[in-house]
Every structure is written in structure tokens, then in C-alpha cells.
Amino acid sequence: MMRDKVLSLVGLATKAGRCASGEFMTERSVKSGTAALVIVASDASENTKGMFRNMCEFYKVPIYFYADKDTLGHAMGKEFRASLAILDEGFAKGIQKQMERNTIA
């Protein structure tokens, strides 16, 4: 139940055109300052996780490791995705709220 809340927000952000996905686009949105939040699949390579962790720390973008590549891709109506950036503060806040709830629950 909990997972679906996050994924449905990702889906909505994608439909609204407020989501960038794939390693290249995610990286570009973080570095250009348009990313409000980054989600990396839990089953992404350690290399990918480390790169985004460091990048998000440096650019002060919240980052979460969540679900797996298939699930993230599916939420966006695409093939599997290891990373995505939410480009909208509203969606980012909603997702963060769900993530915080996840950690408490």
C-alpha cells in the first residue's frame, strides 16, 4: 500500500512532464538545478548509487533509494529505470512525505 503512494506520485509527475529519467537526464537535471528530488532504484549498481549520492549531496538535492528498476520504470510507463529526478517542488514534497512515513512505519 505504502509503496504505491510514492509510485503513483512518480506516475503523476511523469504525466505532468515534471520528471526526468535515465542516468543522463537525471544527472543533467541535478547539475542544472532543476531537480527537486532524485530517486535511485535499490537494485541499481553500487557505482550508480555512489555517483548519485555524491552528486546529490554536493548539489543539495534530496535523494532516496527506492523500489527496483522494473518498478520505477513501470510507474513511469517505461522500460526499467535506475534513476529519475522529480522536477517539481510540489511532487517532490509529496514524495518526501511518503518516504518519511515509510521509514517511520
C-alpha atoms as a PDB file:
ATOM      1  CA  MET A   1       0.000   0.000   0.000  1.00  0.00           C
ATOM      2  CA  MET A   2       2.691   2.445   1.092  1.00  0.00           C
ATOM      3  CA  ARG A   3       4.872   1.837  -1.965  1.00  0.00           C
ATOM      4  CA  ASP A   4       2.039   2.644  -4.335  1.00  0.00           C
ATOM      5  CA  LYS A   5       1.660   6.162  -2.934  1.00  0.00           C
ATOM      6  CA  VAL A   6       5.230   7.051  -3.906  1.00  0.00           C
ATOM      7  CA  LEU A   7       4.955   5.326  -7.266  1.00  0.00           C
ATOM      8  CA  SER A   8       1.639   6.928  -8.131  1.00  0.00           C
ATOM      9  CA  LEU A   9       3.158  10.363  -7.403  1.00  0.00           C
ATOM     10  CA  VAL A  10       6.055   9.457  -9.699  1.00  0.00           C
ATOM     11  CA  GLY A  11       3.488   8.468 -12.325  1.00  0.00           C
ATOM     12  CA  LEU A  12       1.608  11.747 -11.932  1.00  0.00           C
ATOM     13  CA  ALA A  13       4.803  13.781 -12.144  1.00  0.00           C
ATOM     14  CA  THR A  14       5.740  11.891 -15.314  1.00  0.00           C
ATOM     15  CA  LYS A  15       2.338  12.542 -16.907  1.00  0.00           C
ATOM     16  CA  ALA A  16       2.661  16.211 -15.980  1.00  0.00           C
ATOM     17  CA  GLY A  17       6.053  16.288 -17.685  1.00  0.00           C
ATOM     18  CA  ARG A  18       7.794  17.067 -14.386  1.00  0.00           C
ATOM     19  CA  CYS A  19      10.041  14.033 -14.277  1.00  0.00           C
ATOM     20  CA  ALA A  20      13.381  13.287 -15.924  1.00  0.00           C
ATOM     21  CA  SER A  21      14.565   9.691 -16.058  1.00  0.00           C
ATOM     22  CA  GLY A  22      17.561   7.678 -17.039  1.00  0.00           C
ATOM     23  CA  GLU A  23      21.071   8.284 -15.793  1.00  0.00           C
ATOM     24  CA  PHE A  24      21.938  11.050 -18.259  1.00  0.00           C
ATOM     25  CA  MET A  25      18.746  13.097 -17.832  1.00  0.00           C
ATOM     26  CA  THR A  26      18.752  12.676 -14.059  1.00  0.00           C
ATOM     27  CA  GLU A  27      22.357  13.832 -13.846  1.00  0.00           C
ATOM     28  CA  ARG A  28      21.641  16.782 -16.115  1.00  0.00           C
ATOM     29  CA  SER A  29      18.672  17.947 -14.054  1.00  0.00           C
ATOM     30  CA  VAL A  30      20.656  17.716 -10.800  1.00  0.00           C
ATOM     31  CA  LYS A  31      23.581  19.689 -12.216  1.00  0.00           C
ATOM     32  CA  SER A  32      21.368  22.301 -13.862  1.00  0.00           C
ATOM     33  CA  GLY A  33      19.456  22.833 -10.610  1.00  0.00           C
ATOM     34  CA  THR A  34      16.073  21.713 -11.941  1.00  0.00           C
ATOM     35  CA  ALA A  35      15.859  18.516  -9.869  1.00  0.00           C
ATOM     36  CA  ALA A  36      13.794  18.867  -6.687  1.00  0.00           C
ATOM     37  CA  LEU A  37      14.328  15.236  -5.683  1.00  0.00           C
ATOM     38  CA  VAL A  38      16.134  12.163  -7.007  1.00  0.00           C
ATOM     39  CA  ILE A  39      15.052   8.543  -6.713  1.00  0.00           C
ATOM     40  CA  VAL A  40      17.510   5.760  -7.477  1.00  0.00           C
ATOM     41  CA  ALA A  41      16.417   2.117  -7.715  1.00  0.00           C
ATOM     42  CA  SER A  42      17.597  -0.024  -4.802  1.00  0.00           C
ATOM     43  CA  ASP A  43      18.933  -2.573  -7.288  1.00  0.00           C
ATOM     44  CA  ALA A  44      20.985  -0.028  -9.256  1.00  0.00           C
ATOM     45  CA  SER A  45      24.727  -0.732  -9.349  1.00  0.00           C
ATOM     46  CA  GLU A  46      26.831   0.441  -6.415  1.00  0.00           C
ATOM     47  CA  ASN A  47      28.626   2.655  -8.895  1.00  0.00           C
ATOM     48  CA  THR A  48      25.393   4.390  -9.924  1.00  0.00           C
ATOM     49  CA  LYS A  49      24.200   4.742  -6.319  1.00  0.00           C
ATOM     50  CA  GLY A  50      27.524   6.209  -5.225  1.00  0.00           C
ATOM     51  CA  MET A  51      27.659   8.647  -8.112  1.00  0.00           C
ATOM     52  CA  PHE A  52      24.160   9.989  -7.443  1.00  0.00           C
ATOM     53  CA  ARG A  53      24.670  10.001  -3.673  1.00  0.00           C
ATOM     54  CA  ASN A  54      27.754  12.203  -4.046  1.00  0.00           C
ATOM     55  CA  MET A  55      26.204  14.406  -6.715  1.00  0.00           C
ATOM     56  CA  CYS A  56      23.010  14.995  -4.729  1.00  0.00           C
ATOM     57  CA  GLU A  57      24.983  15.733  -1.586  1.00  0.00           C
ATOM     58  CA  PHE A  58      27.096  18.259  -3.466  1.00  0.00           C
ATOM     59  CA  TYR A  59      24.117  19.964  -5.151  1.00  0.00           C
ATOM     60  CA  LYS A  60      21.960  19.648  -2.014  1.00  0.00           C
ATOM     61  CA  VAL A  61      19.214  17.621  -3.679  1.00  0.00           C
ATOM     62  CA  PRO A  62      17.310  15.102  -1.539  1.00  0.00           C
ATOM     63  CA  ILE A  63      17.925  11.532  -2.711  1.00  0.00           C
ATOM     64  CA  TYR A  64      16.090   8.296  -1.947  1.00  0.00           C
ATOM     65  CA  PHE A  65      16.838   4.690  -2.794  1.00  0.00           C
ATOM     66  CA  TYR A  66      13.539   3.055  -3.539  1.00  0.00           C
ATOM     67  CA  ALA A  67      11.908   0.060  -5.214  1.00  0.00           C
ATOM     68  CA  ASP A  68      13.696  -1.648  -8.098  1.00  0.00           C
ATOM     69  CA  LYS A  69      14.436  -0.684 -11.684  1.00  0.00           C
ATOM     70  CA  ASP A  70      11.419  -2.534 -13.095  1.00  0.00           C
ATOM     71  CA  THR A  71       9.028  -0.993 -10.575  1.00  0.00           C
ATOM     72  CA  LEU A  72      10.351   2.544 -11.122  1.00  0.00           C
ATOM     73  CA  GLY A  73      10.178   2.164 -14.888  1.00  0.00           C
ATOM     74  CA  HIS A  74       6.688   0.705 -14.672  1.00  0.00           C
ATOM     75  CA  ALA A  75       5.492   3.649 -12.556  1.00  0.00           C
ATOM     76  CA  MET A  76       6.609   5.941 -15.388  1.00  0.00           C
ATOM     77  CA  GLY A  77       5.131   3.758 -18.096  1.00  0.00           C
ATOM     78  CA  LYS A  78       8.605   2.978 -19.448  1.00  0.00           C
ATOM     79  CA  GLU A  79      11.167   0.195 -19.561  1.00  0.00           C
ATOM     80  CA  PHE A  80      13.176  -0.207 -16.373  1.00  0.00           C
ATOM     81  CA  ARG A  81      14.758   2.935 -14.966  1.00  0.00           C
ATOM     82  CA  ALA A  82      17.620   3.027 -12.465  1.00  0.00           C
ATOM     83  CA  SER A  83      17.221   6.725 -11.685  1.00  0.00           C
ATOM     84  CA  LEU A  84      14.790   9.583 -12.023  1.00  0.00           C
ATOM     85  CA  ALA A  85      14.539  13.205 -10.983  1.00  0.00           C
ATOM     86  CA  ILE A  86      11.347  14.962  -9.926  1.00  0.00           C
ATOM     87  CA  LEU A  87      11.423  18.498 -11.330  1.00  0.00           C
ATOM     88  CA  ASP A  88       8.541  19.910  -9.338  1.00  0.00           C
ATOM     89  CA  GLU A  89       8.648  21.082  -5.713  1.00  0.00           C
ATOM     90  CA  GLY A  90       5.054  20.035  -5.064  1.00  0.00           C
ATOM     91  CA  PHE A  91       5.520  16.478  -6.282  1.00  0.00           C
ATOM     92  CA  ALA A  92       8.916  16.296  -4.539  1.00  0.00           C
ATOM     93  CA  LYS A  93       7.366  17.334  -1.203  1.00  0.00           C
ATOM     94  CA  GLY A  94       4.567  14.800  -1.594  1.00  0.00           C
ATOM     95  CA  ILE A  95       7.030  12.012  -2.333  1.00  0.00           C
ATOM     96  CA  GLN A  96       9.267  13.035   0.566  1.00  0.00           C
ATOM     97  CA  LYS A  97       6.295  12.984   2.913  1.00  0.00           C
ATOM     98  CA  GLN A  98       5.501   9.417   1.809  1.00  0.00           C
ATOM     99  CA  MET A  99       9.147   8.380   2.144  1.00  0.00           C
ATOM    100  CA  GLU A 100       9.325   9.763   5.699  1.00  0.00           C
ATOM    101  CA  ARG A 101       6.165   7.840   6.528  1.00  0.00           C
ATOM    102  CA  ASN A 102       7.763   4.728   5.083  1.00  0.00           C
ATOM    103  CA  THR A 103      10.753   4.979   7.392  1.00  0.00           C
ATOM    104  CA  ILE A 104       8.589   5.541  10.469  1.00  0.00           C
ATOM    105  CA  ALA A 105       6.151   2.723   9.684  1.00  0.00           C
END
